[in-house]
N, C-alpha and C. Protein backbone atom coordinates (compact mmCIF):
# COMPACT_ATOMS: atom_id res chain seq x y z
N UNK A 1 37.11 6.43 19.64
CA UNK A 1 35.30 6.90 19.20
C UNK A 1 34.94 5.41 18.64
N UNK A 2 33.64 5.46 19.45
CA UNK A 2 32.96 4.11 19.53
C UNK A 2 32.08 3.98 17.76
N UNK A 3 32.29 2.98 17.12
CA UNK A 3 31.43 2.71 16.06
C UNK A 3 30.08 2.38 16.17
N UNK A 4 29.41 3.26 15.10
CA UNK A 4 27.87 3.11 15.02
C UNK A 4 27.55 2.00 14.11
N UNK A 5 26.13 1.07 14.67
CA UNK A 5 25.73 0.06 13.83
C UNK A 5 24.02 0.97 13.58
N UNK A 6 23.98 0.70 12.70
CA UNK A 6 22.59 1.13 11.96
C UNK A 6 21.97 -0.03 11.20
N UNK A 7 20.80 -0.10 12.37
CA UNK A 7 19.93 -1.42 11.90
C UNK A 7 18.37 -0.73 11.53
N UNK A 8 17.85 -1.79 10.70
CA UNK A 8 16.57 -0.92 10.23
C UNK A 8 15.61 -2.04 9.93
N UNK A 9 14.44 -2.22 10.89
CA UNK A 9 13.18 -2.96 10.98
C UNK A 9 12.35 -2.79 10.51
N UNK A 10 11.54 -4.44 9.35
CA UNK A 10 10.11 -3.84 9.28
C UNK A 10 8.90 -4.35 10.24
N UNK A 11 7.87 -4.32 10.13
CA UNK A 11 6.97 -4.73 11.01
C UNK A 11 6.78 -6.14 10.98
N UNK A 12 7.12 -6.75 9.85
CA UNK A 12 6.83 -8.30 9.56
C UNK A 12 7.83 -9.04 8.77
N UNK A 13 8.52 -9.93 9.83
CA UNK A 13 9.69 -10.95 8.61
C UNK A 13 9.71 -12.37 8.98
N UNK A 14 10.03 -12.36 7.85
CA UNK A 14 9.74 -14.15 7.80
C UNK A 14 11.25 -14.80 7.53
N UNK A 15 11.18 -16.20 8.71
CA UNK A 15 12.17 -16.60 9.06
C UNK A 15 12.03 -18.06 8.88
N UNK A 16 12.78 -18.98 8.38
CA UNK A 16 12.50 -20.19 8.01
C UNK A 16 13.21 -21.31 8.59
N UNK A 17 14.02 -20.57 9.78
CA UNK A 17 14.73 -21.32 10.85
C UNK A 17 14.06 -21.23 12.56
N UNK A 18 14.62 -21.93 13.39
CA UNK A 18 14.43 -21.86 14.55
C UNK A 18 15.51 -20.73 14.96
N UNK A 19 16.63 -20.83 14.56
CA UNK A 19 17.59 -19.78 15.13
C UNK A 19 17.62 -18.50 14.40
N UNK A 20 17.50 -17.70 14.51
CA UNK A 20 17.46 -16.60 13.85
C UNK A 20 18.48 -15.22 13.95
N UNK A 21 19.44 -15.20 13.39
CA UNK A 21 20.40 -14.17 13.53
C UNK A 21 19.84 -12.91 12.93
N UNK A 22 20.87 -11.59 13.65
CA UNK A 22 20.11 -10.50 13.25
C UNK A 22 19.97 -9.92 11.85
N UNK A 23 20.63 -11.10 10.55
CA UNK A 23 20.59 -10.42 8.89
C UNK A 23 19.50 -11.06 8.73
N UNK A 24 18.53 -11.53 9.73
CA UNK A 24 17.60 -12.62 8.75
C UNK A 24 16.50 -11.76 9.30
N UNK A 25 16.50 -10.82 10.13
CA UNK A 25 15.02 -9.92 10.44
C UNK A 25 15.88 -7.99 10.12
N UNK A 26 16.85 -7.71 10.04
CA UNK A 26 17.00 -6.35 9.79
C UNK A 26 18.33 -6.15 8.87
N UNK A 27 18.56 -4.64 8.75
CA UNK A 27 19.34 -4.64 7.61
C UNK A 27 20.31 -3.78 8.28
N UNK A 28 21.50 -4.01 7.92
CA UNK A 28 22.38 -3.33 8.96
C UNK A 28 23.63 -2.82 7.89
N UNK A 29 24.13 -1.60 8.97
CA UNK A 29 24.94 -0.73 8.07
C UNK A 29 25.91 -0.36 9.11
N UNK A 30 27.30 -0.23 9.19
CA UNK A 30 28.53 0.19 9.74
C UNK A 30 29.62 0.42 9.12
N UNK A 31 30.08 1.09 9.25
CA UNK A 31 31.50 1.82 9.02
C UNK A 31 32.37 0.57 8.78
N UNK A 32 32.49 -0.24 10.08
CA UNK A 32 34.02 -1.14 10.42
C UNK A 32 33.07 -2.42 9.75
N UNK A 33 33.82 -3.09 8.84
CA UNK A 33 33.11 -4.65 8.05
C UNK A 33 33.35 -5.51 9.71
N UNK A 34 34.15 -5.57 10.22
CA UNK A 34 34.50 -6.22 11.32
C UNK A 34 33.70 -6.64 12.12
N UNK A 35 32.80 -5.45 12.71
CA UNK A 35 32.04 -5.49 13.44
C UNK A 35 30.69 -5.88 13.26
N UNK A 36 30.26 -5.31 11.63
CA UNK A 36 29.20 -5.31 10.72
C UNK A 36 29.05 -7.11 10.18
N UNK A 37 29.94 -8.04 10.34
CA UNK A 37 30.63 -9.42 9.77
C UNK A 37 29.82 -9.95 11.06
N UNK A 38 30.21 -9.50 12.68
CA UNK A 38 30.01 -10.14 13.74
C UNK A 38 28.34 -9.74 14.07
N UNK A 39 28.41 -8.59 13.48
CA UNK A 39 26.56 -8.73 13.97
C UNK A 39 25.60 -9.30 13.05
N UNK A 40 25.97 -9.04 12.13
CA UNK A 40 24.88 -10.14 10.98
C UNK A 40 24.40 -11.58 11.37
N UNK A 41 25.78 -12.12 12.23
CA UNK A 41 25.45 -13.58 12.30
C UNK A 41 25.36 -13.62 14.02
N UNK A 42 24.61 -12.61 14.56
CA UNK A 42 24.43 -12.61 15.63
C UNK A 42 22.96 -13.20 16.17
N UNK A 43 22.98 -14.49 16.96
CA UNK A 43 21.42 -14.73 17.47
C UNK A 43 21.28 -14.42 18.31
N UNK A 44 20.16 -13.61 17.53
CA UNK A 44 19.27 -12.75 18.41
C UNK A 44 17.53 -13.32 19.43
N UNK A 45 17.02 -14.67 18.85
CA UNK A 45 16.40 -15.46 18.94
C UNK A 45 16.51 -16.88 18.89
N UNK A 46 15.60 -17.36 19.53
CA UNK A 46 15.41 -19.16 19.30
C UNK A 46 13.84 -19.39 19.34
N UNK A 47 13.36 -19.61 18.29
CA UNK A 47 12.10 -20.11 18.44
C UNK A 47 11.84 -21.84 18.57
N UNK A 48 10.56 -21.40 18.93
CA UNK A 48 10.52 -23.43 19.17
C UNK A 48 10.51 -24.23 17.42
N UNK A 49 11.08 -25.27 17.62
CA UNK A 49 11.46 -25.87 16.17
C UNK A 49 10.28 -26.72 15.91
N UNK A 50 9.82 -26.77 14.57
CA UNK A 50 8.52 -26.85 14.29
C UNK A 50 7.42 -26.43 14.58
N UNK A 51 7.44 -25.12 15.33
CA UNK A 51 6.21 -25.11 15.77
C UNK A 51 5.95 -23.37 15.03
N UNK A 52 5.59 -23.54 13.54
CA UNK A 52 5.37 -22.25 12.90
C UNK A 52 4.49 -21.51 13.37
N UNK A 53 4.60 -20.04 12.83
CA UNK A 53 3.44 -19.01 13.41
C UNK A 53 4.32 -17.77 13.33
N UNK A 54 3.85 -16.86 13.85
CA UNK A 54 4.02 -15.90 14.53
C UNK A 54 4.41 -15.44 15.95
N UNK A 55 5.73 -14.30 15.84
CA UNK A 55 6.25 -14.77 17.15
C UNK A 55 6.90 -13.11 17.42
N UNK A 56 5.75 -12.21 18.50
CA UNK A 56 6.08 -10.65 18.71
C UNK A 56 7.45 -10.46 19.03
N UNK A 57 8.25 -9.56 18.86
CA UNK A 57 9.83 -9.15 19.18
C UNK A 57 9.89 -7.92 19.33
N UNK A 58 10.41 -7.49 20.32
CA UNK A 58 10.75 -6.03 20.84
C UNK A 58 12.33 -5.74 20.50
N UNK A 59 12.10 -4.89 19.68
CA UNK A 59 13.11 -4.01 19.15
C UNK A 59 14.75 -4.16 20.31
N UNK A 60 13.81 -3.42 21.75
CA UNK A 60 14.65 -3.34 22.80
C UNK A 60 15.52 -5.04 22.91
N UNK A 61 14.74 -5.91 23.00
CA UNK A 61 15.36 -6.93 23.28
C UNK A 61 16.96 -7.67 22.58
N UNK A 62 16.56 -7.15 21.16
CA UNK A 62 17.98 -7.89 20.22
C UNK A 62 18.94 -6.87 20.22
N UNK A 63 18.77 -5.63 20.60
CA UNK A 63 19.47 -4.01 20.83
C UNK A 63 20.54 -4.71 22.23
N UNK A 64 19.36 -5.37 23.22
CA UNK A 64 20.51 -5.64 24.59
C UNK A 64 21.19 -6.83 24.12
N UNK A 65 20.56 -8.19 22.84
CA UNK A 65 21.82 -8.91 23.01
C UNK A 65 22.72 -8.01 22.28
N UNK A 66 23.11 -7.36 21.68
CA UNK A 66 24.39 -6.64 20.64
C UNK A 66 24.99 -5.87 21.41
N UNK A 67 24.91 -5.55 22.33
CA UNK A 67 24.96 -4.84 23.26
C UNK A 67 26.02 -5.28 24.22
N UNK A 68 25.30 -7.15 24.78
CA UNK A 68 26.30 -7.86 25.18
C UNK A 68 27.07 -8.39 24.32
N UNK A 69 27.29 -8.52 23.07
CA UNK A 69 28.10 -9.00 22.52
C UNK A 69 29.33 -7.97 21.87
N UNK A 70 28.70 -6.72 21.56
CA UNK A 70 29.73 -5.60 21.31
C UNK A 70 29.41 -4.06 22.14
N UNK A 71 30.16 -4.23 23.10
CA UNK A 71 30.51 -3.49 24.69
C UNK A 71 30.90 -1.89 23.88
N UNK A 72 31.42 -1.68 23.06
CA UNK A 72 31.80 -0.77 22.81
C UNK A 72 31.10 0.14 21.19
N UNK A 73 29.43 -0.38 20.86
CA UNK A 73 29.15 -0.12 20.13
C UNK A 73 28.12 0.60 20.14
N UNK A 74 27.80 1.79 19.56
CA UNK A 74 26.45 2.56 19.49
C UNK A 74 25.57 2.58 18.31
N UNK A 75 24.47 2.17 18.91
CA UNK A 75 23.23 1.43 17.76
C UNK A 75 22.40 2.57 17.60
N UNK A 76 21.50 2.56 16.29
CA UNK A 76 21.11 3.34 16.12
C UNK A 76 19.87 2.92 15.39
N UNK A 77 18.60 2.72 15.94
CA UNK A 77 17.61 1.57 14.89
C UNK A 77 16.55 2.94 14.26
N UNK A 78 16.38 2.19 13.67
CA UNK A 78 14.85 3.10 12.27
C UNK A 78 14.37 1.83 11.85
N UNK A 79 12.60 2.15 12.46
CA UNK A 79 11.94 1.30 11.82
C UNK A 79 11.28 0.79 12.98
N UNK A 80 10.47 -0.25 13.20
CA UNK A 80 9.15 -0.37 14.16
C UNK A 80 9.87 -1.21 15.17
N UNK A 81 9.44 -0.66 16.55
CA UNK A 81 9.85 -0.96 17.45
C UNK A 81 9.66 -2.30 18.03
N UNK A 82 8.25 -2.65 17.59
CA UNK A 82 7.95 -4.33 17.88
C UNK A 82 7.93 -4.88 16.45
N UNK A 83 7.47 -5.54 16.25
CA UNK A 83 7.93 -6.14 15.12
C UNK A 83 7.18 -8.28 15.12
N UNK A 84 6.80 -8.16 14.10
CA UNK A 84 6.68 -9.83 14.22
C UNK A 84 7.62 -10.49 13.62
N UNK A 85 7.97 -11.76 13.90
CA UNK A 85 8.82 -12.96 12.84
C UNK A 85 7.78 -13.92 12.46
N UNK A 86 7.51 -13.98 11.32
CA UNK A 86 7.07 -15.61 10.76
C UNK A 86 7.39 -16.06 10.65
N UNK A 87 7.38 -17.01 11.27
CA UNK A 87 8.17 -18.77 11.22
C UNK A 87 8.11 -19.79 10.37
N UNK A 88 8.08 -19.83 9.14
CA UNK A 88 7.42 -20.99 8.01
C UNK A 88 8.56 -21.89 7.50
N UNK A 89 7.84 -23.21 7.39
CA UNK A 89 8.69 -24.04 6.59
C UNK A 89 9.16 -23.49 4.78
N UNK A 90 10.17 -24.34 4.65
CA UNK A 90 10.99 -24.50 3.67
C UNK A 90 9.83 -24.57 2.71
N UNK A 91 9.20 -23.66 1.24
CA UNK A 91 8.40 -24.19 0.16
C UNK A 91 9.35 -25.68 -0.63
N UNK A 92 8.24 -26.32 -0.25
CA UNK A 92 8.90 -27.54 -1.33
C UNK A 92 8.17 -28.28 -2.21
N UNK A 93 7.33 -27.43 -2.64
CA UNK A 93 5.99 -27.82 -3.30
C UNK A 93 6.51 -27.66 -5.05
N UNK A 94 5.78 -28.43 -5.65
CA UNK A 94 6.89 -28.46 -7.19
C UNK A 94 5.93 -28.01 -8.16
N UNK A 95 6.51 -27.72 -9.25
CA UNK A 95 5.69 -26.54 -10.31
C UNK A 95 4.04 -27.77 -10.34
N UNK A 96 4.25 -28.70 -10.46
CA UNK A 96 2.47 -29.27 -10.66
C UNK A 96 1.30 -28.65 -9.59
N UNK A 97 2.01 -28.82 -7.94
CA UNK A 97 1.33 -28.46 -7.34
C UNK A 97 0.69 -26.88 -7.33
N UNK A 98 1.90 -26.04 -7.59
CA UNK A 98 1.53 -24.73 -7.85
C UNK A 98 0.54 -24.35 -9.13
N UNK A 99 0.49 -25.16 -10.23
CA UNK A 99 -0.25 -25.05 -10.92
C UNK A 99 -1.25 -25.46 -10.52
N UNK A 100 -1.91 -26.20 -9.74
CA UNK A 100 -3.22 -26.76 -9.38
C UNK A 100 -3.68 -26.03 -8.73
N UNK A 101 -3.01 -25.08 -7.48
CA UNK A 101 -3.44 -24.49 -6.80
C UNK A 101 -3.69 -22.96 -7.68
N UNK A 102 -3.17 -22.57 -8.47
CA UNK A 102 -3.49 -21.46 -9.29
C UNK A 102 -4.12 -21.75 -10.02
N UNK A 103 -4.96 -23.15 -10.65
CA UNK A 103 -6.45 -22.91 -11.41
C UNK A 103 -7.65 -23.05 -10.30
N UNK A 104 -7.22 -24.37 -9.19
CA UNK A 104 -8.12 -23.89 -8.59
C UNK A 104 -8.22 -22.63 -8.00
N UNK A 105 -7.50 -21.69 -7.48
CA UNK A 105 -7.94 -20.33 -7.22
C UNK A 105 -8.87 -19.45 -8.24
N UNK A 106 -8.58 -19.88 -9.86
CA UNK A 106 -9.03 -19.43 -10.66
C UNK A 106 -10.19 -19.83 -11.09
N UNK A 107 -10.84 -20.86 -10.81
CA UNK A 107 -12.00 -21.33 -10.93
C UNK A 107 -12.87 -20.58 -9.45
N UNK A 108 -12.26 -20.80 -8.75
CA UNK A 108 -12.88 -20.66 -7.59
C UNK A 108 -13.40 -19.03 -7.64
N UNK A 109 -12.79 -17.95 -7.98
CA UNK A 109 -12.72 -16.62 -8.19
C UNK A 109 -13.92 -16.61 -9.61
N UNK A 110 -13.79 -17.05 -10.68
CA UNK A 110 -14.53 -16.93 -11.49
C UNK A 110 -16.28 -17.59 -11.37
N UNK A 111 -15.98 -18.66 -10.93
CA UNK A 111 -17.70 -18.93 -10.93
C UNK A 111 -18.34 -17.92 -9.83
N UNK A 112 -17.17 -17.39 -8.41
CA UNK A 112 -17.70 -17.03 -7.71
C UNK A 112 -18.49 -15.71 -7.92
N UNK A 113 -17.15 -14.70 -9.09
CA UNK A 113 -17.83 -13.55 -9.74
C UNK A 113 -19.21 -13.95 -10.76
N UNK A 114 -19.12 -14.83 -10.86
CA UNK A 114 -20.01 -14.97 -12.11
C UNK A 114 -21.29 -15.02 -11.17
N UNK A 115 -21.56 -15.99 -10.09
CA UNK A 115 -22.96 -15.88 -9.51
C UNK A 115 -23.04 -14.46 -8.80
N UNK A 116 -22.05 -13.99 -8.00
CA UNK A 116 -22.06 -12.45 -7.31
C UNK A 116 -22.97 -11.79 -8.24
N UNK A 117 -22.48 -11.76 -9.85
CA UNK A 117 -23.09 -11.03 -10.71
C UNK A 117 -24.37 -11.21 -11.19
N UNK A 118 -24.52 -12.51 -10.90
CA UNK A 118 -25.66 -12.83 -11.83
C UNK A 118 -26.95 -12.96 -10.84
N UNK A 119 -26.37 -12.86 -9.08
CA UNK A 119 -27.39 -12.57 -8.15
C UNK A 119 -27.76 -11.06 -8.19
N UNK A 120 -27.04 -10.21 -8.14
CA UNK A 120 -27.07 -8.88 -8.47
C UNK A 120 -27.88 -8.44 -10.01
N UNK A 121 -27.66 -8.85 -10.58
CA UNK A 121 -28.54 -8.87 -11.27
C UNK A 121 -30.38 -9.34 -11.65
N UNK A 122 -30.53 -10.59 -10.71
CA UNK A 122 -31.78 -11.01 -10.49
C UNK A 122 -31.83 -10.25 -9.14
N UNK A 123 -31.89 -9.45 -8.38
CA UNK A 123 -31.92 -8.96 -7.13
C UNK A 123 -33.03 -7.52 -7.91
N UNK A 124 -32.05 -6.69 -8.64
CA UNK A 124 -32.40 -5.56 -9.31
C UNK A 124 -33.23 -5.87 -10.46
N UNK A 125 -33.71 -7.09 -11.02
CA UNK A 125 -34.00 -7.07 -12.13
C UNK A 125 -33.57 -6.37 -13.41
N UNK A 126 -32.16 -6.55 -13.64
CA UNK A 126 -31.63 -5.68 -14.89
C UNK A 126 -32.21 -6.76 -16.22
N UNK A 127 -32.74 -7.87 -16.14
CA UNK A 127 -33.45 -8.28 -17.19
C UNK A 127 -34.87 -7.39 -17.66
N UNK A 128 -35.55 -7.31 -16.97
CA UNK A 128 -36.54 -6.49 -17.12
C UNK A 128 -36.26 -5.08 -16.73
N UNK A 129 -35.52 -4.52 -16.87
CA UNK A 129 -34.93 -3.14 -17.25
C UNK A 129 -34.95 -2.96 -18.42
N UNK A 130 -34.16 -3.67 -18.99
CA UNK A 130 -33.46 -3.61 -20.40
C UNK A 130 -34.70 -3.94 -21.31
N UNK A 131 -35.06 -5.05 -20.92
CA UNK A 131 -37.09 -5.48 -21.97
C UNK A 131 -37.74 -4.11 -21.84
N UNK A 132 -37.74 -3.40 -20.80
CA UNK A 132 -38.66 -2.27 -21.21
C UNK A 132 -38.13 -1.12 -21.39
N UNK A 133 -36.39 -0.81 -21.37
CA UNK A 133 -36.18 0.28 -21.96
C UNK A 133 -36.19 -0.14 -23.18
N UNK A 134 -35.94 -1.72 -24.08
CA UNK A 134 -36.18 -1.58 -25.27
C UNK A 134 -37.36 -1.38 -26.31
N UNK A 135 -37.87 -1.73 -25.39
CA UNK A 135 -39.42 -1.47 -25.72
C UNK A 135 -39.82 -0.32 -25.86
N UNK A 136 -39.59 0.77 -25.00
CA UNK A 136 -40.24 1.84 -25.35
C UNK A 136 -39.31 2.82 -26.30
N UNK A 137 -37.82 2.33 -26.76
CA UNK A 137 -37.34 2.85 -27.90
C UNK A 137 -37.83 2.15 -29.10
N UNK A 138 -38.04 1.03 -29.41
CA UNK A 138 -38.23 0.32 -30.06
C UNK A 138 -39.38 -0.24 -31.00
N UNK A 139 -40.35 0.08 -29.69
CA UNK A 139 -41.61 -0.55 -29.82
C UNK A 139 -41.79 -2.04 -29.72
N UNK A 140 -40.98 -2.82 -29.47
CA UNK A 140 -40.79 -4.53 -29.71
C UNK A 140 -39.97 -5.00 -28.55
N UNK A 141 -40.52 -5.95 -27.71
CA UNK A 141 -39.81 -6.40 -26.67
C UNK A 141 -38.23 -7.52 -27.07
N UNK A 142 -37.53 -7.25 -25.97
CA UNK A 142 -36.07 -7.39 -26.74
C UNK A 142 -36.06 -8.94 -26.61
N UNK A 143 -35.40 -9.68 -27.21
CA UNK A 143 -35.17 -11.02 -27.53
C UNK A 143 -33.88 -11.57 -26.29
N UNK A 144 -33.34 -10.98 -25.37
CA UNK A 144 -32.42 -10.83 -24.90
C UNK A 144 -30.53 -10.83 -25.63
N UNK A 145 -30.51 -10.66 -26.81
CA UNK A 145 -29.80 -9.84 -26.90
C UNK A 145 -29.30 -8.63 -28.25
N UNK A 146 -30.02 -7.93 -27.44
CA UNK A 146 -29.81 -6.71 -28.07
C UNK A 146 -28.64 -5.42 -27.62
N UNK A 147 -28.26 -4.73 -28.39
CA UNK A 147 -27.76 -3.78 -27.73
C UNK A 147 -27.16 -3.28 -26.37
N UNK A 148 -28.06 -3.49 -25.74
CA UNK A 148 -28.52 -3.49 -23.98
C UNK A 148 -27.24 -4.57 -23.17
N UNK A 149 -27.86 -5.60 -24.04
CA UNK A 149 -27.11 -6.58 -23.18
C UNK A 149 -26.07 -6.69 -23.74
N UNK A 150 -25.72 -6.53 -24.86
CA UNK A 150 -24.06 -7.02 -25.54
C UNK A 150 -23.08 -5.84 -24.79
N UNK A 151 -23.50 -4.54 -24.60
CA UNK A 151 -22.63 -3.27 -23.86
C UNK A 151 -22.54 -3.90 -22.85
N UNK A 152 -23.97 -4.11 -21.79
CA UNK A 152 -23.32 -4.22 -20.57
C UNK A 152 -22.46 -5.35 -20.11
N UNK A 153 -22.77 -6.68 -20.80
CA UNK A 153 -21.81 -7.34 -20.52
C UNK A 153 -20.72 -7.44 -20.98
N UNK A 154 -20.00 -6.71 -21.84
CA UNK A 154 -18.53 -5.86 -22.33
C UNK A 154 -18.35 -5.28 -21.40
N UNK A 155 -19.18 -4.69 -20.68
CA UNK A 155 -18.96 -3.45 -19.99
C UNK A 155 -18.21 -3.97 -18.35
N UNK A 156 -19.42 -5.20 -18.12
CA UNK A 156 -18.73 -5.39 -16.78
C UNK A 156 -17.07 -5.79 -17.27
N UNK A 157 -16.86 -6.49 -17.99
CA UNK A 157 -15.31 -7.17 -17.95
C UNK A 157 -14.51 -6.20 -18.22
N UNK A 158 -14.77 -5.26 -19.23
CA UNK A 158 -13.97 -3.93 -19.01
C UNK A 158 -13.62 -3.33 -17.84
N UNK A 159 -14.87 -2.74 -17.17
CA UNK A 159 -14.82 -2.46 -15.94
C UNK A 159 -14.39 -2.73 -14.73
N UNK A 160 -14.09 -4.30 -14.61
CA UNK A 160 -13.35 -5.07 -13.78
C UNK A 160 -12.16 -4.88 -13.93
N UNK A 161 -11.79 -4.97 -15.23
CA UNK A 161 -9.84 -4.93 -15.56
C UNK A 161 -9.58 -3.23 -14.95
N UNK A 162 -10.34 -2.46 -15.62
CA UNK A 162 -9.95 -1.30 -15.25
C UNK A 162 -9.74 -1.17 -13.85
N UNK A 163 -10.43 -1.10 -13.03
CA UNK A 163 -10.81 -1.16 -11.36
C UNK A 163 -10.09 -1.66 -10.79
N UNK A 164 -9.63 -3.31 -11.28
CA UNK A 164 -8.63 -3.70 -10.34
C UNK A 164 -7.20 -3.43 -11.31
N UNK A 165 -7.32 -2.61 -12.55
CA UNK A 165 -5.79 -2.38 -12.64
C UNK A 165 -4.95 -3.60 -13.20
N UNK A 166 -5.63 -4.37 -13.49
CA UNK A 166 -4.70 -5.89 -13.75
C UNK A 166 -5.52 -6.80 -14.89
N UNK A 167 -4.17 -7.02 -15.44
CA UNK A 167 -5.05 -8.43 -16.54
C UNK A 167 -4.25 -8.68 -16.98
N UNK A 168 -3.94 -10.19 -16.32
CA UNK A 168 -2.78 -11.30 -16.20
C UNK A 168 -1.32 -10.54 -15.51
N UNK A 169 -0.56 -11.08 -16.11
CA UNK A 169 0.67 -10.57 -15.88
C UNK A 169 0.97 -8.62 -16.05
N UNK A 170 0.16 -8.03 -16.33
CA UNK A 170 0.11 -6.54 -17.03
C UNK A 170 -0.61 -5.27 -16.13
N UNK A 171 -0.35 -4.53 -15.75
CA UNK A 171 -0.87 -3.40 -15.08
C UNK A 171 -1.27 -2.44 -16.00
N UNK A 172 -2.26 -1.87 -16.06
CA UNK A 172 -2.40 -0.43 -16.63
C UNK A 172 -1.57 0.58 -16.01
N UNK A 173 -1.63 0.76 -15.11
CA UNK A 173 -0.92 1.89 -14.52
C UNK A 173 0.42 1.30 -13.64
N UNK A 174 1.35 1.97 -12.91
CA UNK A 174 2.21 1.56 -12.18
C UNK A 174 1.63 1.32 -10.20
N UNK A 175 0.71 2.02 -10.37
CA UNK A 175 0.23 2.03 -8.99
C UNK A 175 -0.44 0.86 -8.39
N UNK A 176 -0.46 0.41 -7.60
CA UNK A 176 -0.80 -0.72 -7.27
C UNK A 176 -2.49 -0.90 -7.20
N UNK A 177 -2.62 -2.49 -7.30
CA UNK A 177 -4.13 -2.55 -7.45
C UNK A 177 -4.97 -2.53 -6.21
N UNK A 178 -5.98 -2.42 -6.42
CA UNK A 178 -7.15 -2.20 -4.71
C UNK A 178 -6.87 -3.75 -4.37
N UNK A 179 -6.79 -4.69 -4.81
CA UNK A 179 -6.83 -5.91 -4.24
C UNK A 179 -5.53 -5.75 -3.10
N UNK A 180 -3.84 -5.55 -3.66
CA UNK A 180 -3.31 -5.38 -3.35
C UNK A 180 -2.82 -4.31 -2.07
N UNK A 181 -3.67 -3.02 -1.76
CA UNK A 181 -3.48 -2.32 -1.16
C UNK A 181 -4.81 -2.88 0.07
N UNK A 182 -5.91 -3.71 -0.59
CA UNK A 182 -6.54 -4.04 0.84
C UNK A 182 -6.14 -5.21 1.58
N UNK A 183 -5.26 -6.09 0.64
CA UNK A 183 -4.03 -7.48 1.40
C UNK A 183 -3.04 -6.76 2.34
N UNK A 184 -2.61 -5.50 2.03
CA UNK A 184 -1.77 -4.60 2.09
C UNK A 184 -2.22 -4.30 3.88
N UNK A 185 -3.15 -3.58 4.00
CA UNK A 185 -3.94 -3.10 4.79
C UNK A 185 -4.22 -3.81 6.01
N UNK A 186 -4.55 -4.91 5.13
CA UNK A 186 -5.19 -6.31 6.49
C UNK A 186 -3.97 -7.15 6.82
N UNK A 187 -3.18 -7.06 6.22
CA UNK A 187 -1.69 -7.86 6.85
C UNK A 187 -1.15 -6.75 7.95
N UNK A 188 -1.56 -5.41 7.96
CA UNK A 188 -0.63 -4.71 8.50
C UNK A 188 -1.74 -4.47 9.98
N UNK A 189 -2.89 -4.46 9.91
CA UNK A 189 -3.94 -5.09 10.50
C UNK A 189 -3.89 -6.63 11.84
N UNK A 190 -3.62 -7.20 11.07
CA UNK A 190 -3.38 -8.28 11.29
C UNK A 190 -2.12 -8.55 12.30
N UNK A 191 -0.97 -7.74 11.89
CA UNK A 191 0.02 -7.90 12.47
C UNK A 191 0.20 -7.03 13.57
N UNK A 192 -0.35 -5.99 13.84
CA UNK A 192 -0.48 -4.91 14.59
C UNK A 192 -1.47 -5.45 15.76
N UNK A 193 -2.62 -6.56 15.57
CA UNK A 193 -3.66 -6.63 16.56
C UNK A 193 -2.96 -7.44 17.33
N UNK A 194 -1.89 -8.73 16.28
CA UNK A 194 -0.79 -9.96 17.48
C UNK A 194 -0.44 -9.08 18.38
N UNK A 195 0.41 -8.26 17.78
CA UNK A 195 1.58 -7.03 19.15
C UNK A 195 0.53 -6.72 20.19
N UNK A 196 -0.19 -6.14 20.07
CA UNK A 196 -1.05 -5.31 21.08
C UNK A 196 -1.83 -6.70 21.49
N UNK A 197 -1.99 -7.97 21.45
CA UNK A 197 -2.59 -9.04 22.22
C UNK A 197 -1.06 -9.32 23.18
N UNK A 198 -0.18 -9.66 22.33
CA UNK A 198 1.06 -10.31 23.23
C UNK A 198 1.31 -9.06 24.08
N UNK A 199 1.16 -7.90 24.11
CA UNK A 199 1.87 -6.72 25.16
C UNK A 199 0.60 -6.79 26.42
N UNK A 200 -0.57 -7.59 26.01
CA UNK A 200 -1.45 -7.59 26.92
C UNK A 200 -1.27 -8.18 28.04
N UNK A 201 -0.89 -9.24 27.08
CA UNK A 201 -1.11 -10.85 27.84
C UNK A 201 0.59 -10.41 28.96
N UNK A 202 1.40 -9.35 28.29
CA UNK A 202 2.45 -9.27 29.20
C UNK A 202 2.36 -8.59 30.25
N UNK A 203 1.26 -7.28 30.13
CA UNK A 203 0.90 -6.43 31.32
C UNK A 203 -0.60 -7.54 32.05
N UNK A 204 -0.84 -7.97 31.90
CA UNK A 204 -1.73 -8.91 32.69
C UNK A 204 -1.91 -10.69 32.34
N UNK A 205 -0.61 -10.96 32.96
CA UNK A 205 -0.52 -12.35 32.68
C UNK A 205 -2.15 -13.31 32.95
N UNK A 206 -2.33 -12.97 33.89
CA UNK A 206 -3.94 -13.51 34.41
C UNK A 206 -4.76 -13.40 33.57
């Protein structure tokens, strides 16, 4: 009776070496520990050294190499039939570089958001609207520091925190934030596009 090797793959796996082994790209399970250990170190792909990027791989190619190494082994695959290997260099950045990058992103986000809010307020003339409302209810023009302006300013900050479900390292709920959802959707679309483009190149090499 042959043993069974279970393979689970994701849509995108990150590797840092041009020599890719099966344990680098898949989760493995087998009742025979000797077979499992041999399969874990089995080399399934060789990437161009130093040419970092995303490389599409078909699970059929991986299964074929496993079958060549293990003749009497039944393979059950769970997951993506085609996936990407993201070949990246090992991170060697220091703590200072990470802090500089974080500060830059925070400043860029802060001033970009501030500019967007200011242009929106100017475009819809929020200042004129508040002044008109204040005059109607009080009979006097607003000096720019009324309850309307203060509550509106505070409401923007509270609304942003509630919408993005994130403040610092804390979340209001356990649900993923809208930014995390959009980033995940974007990554999935990029991965799918790269795989489809590679398939089209193979079908129509001209």
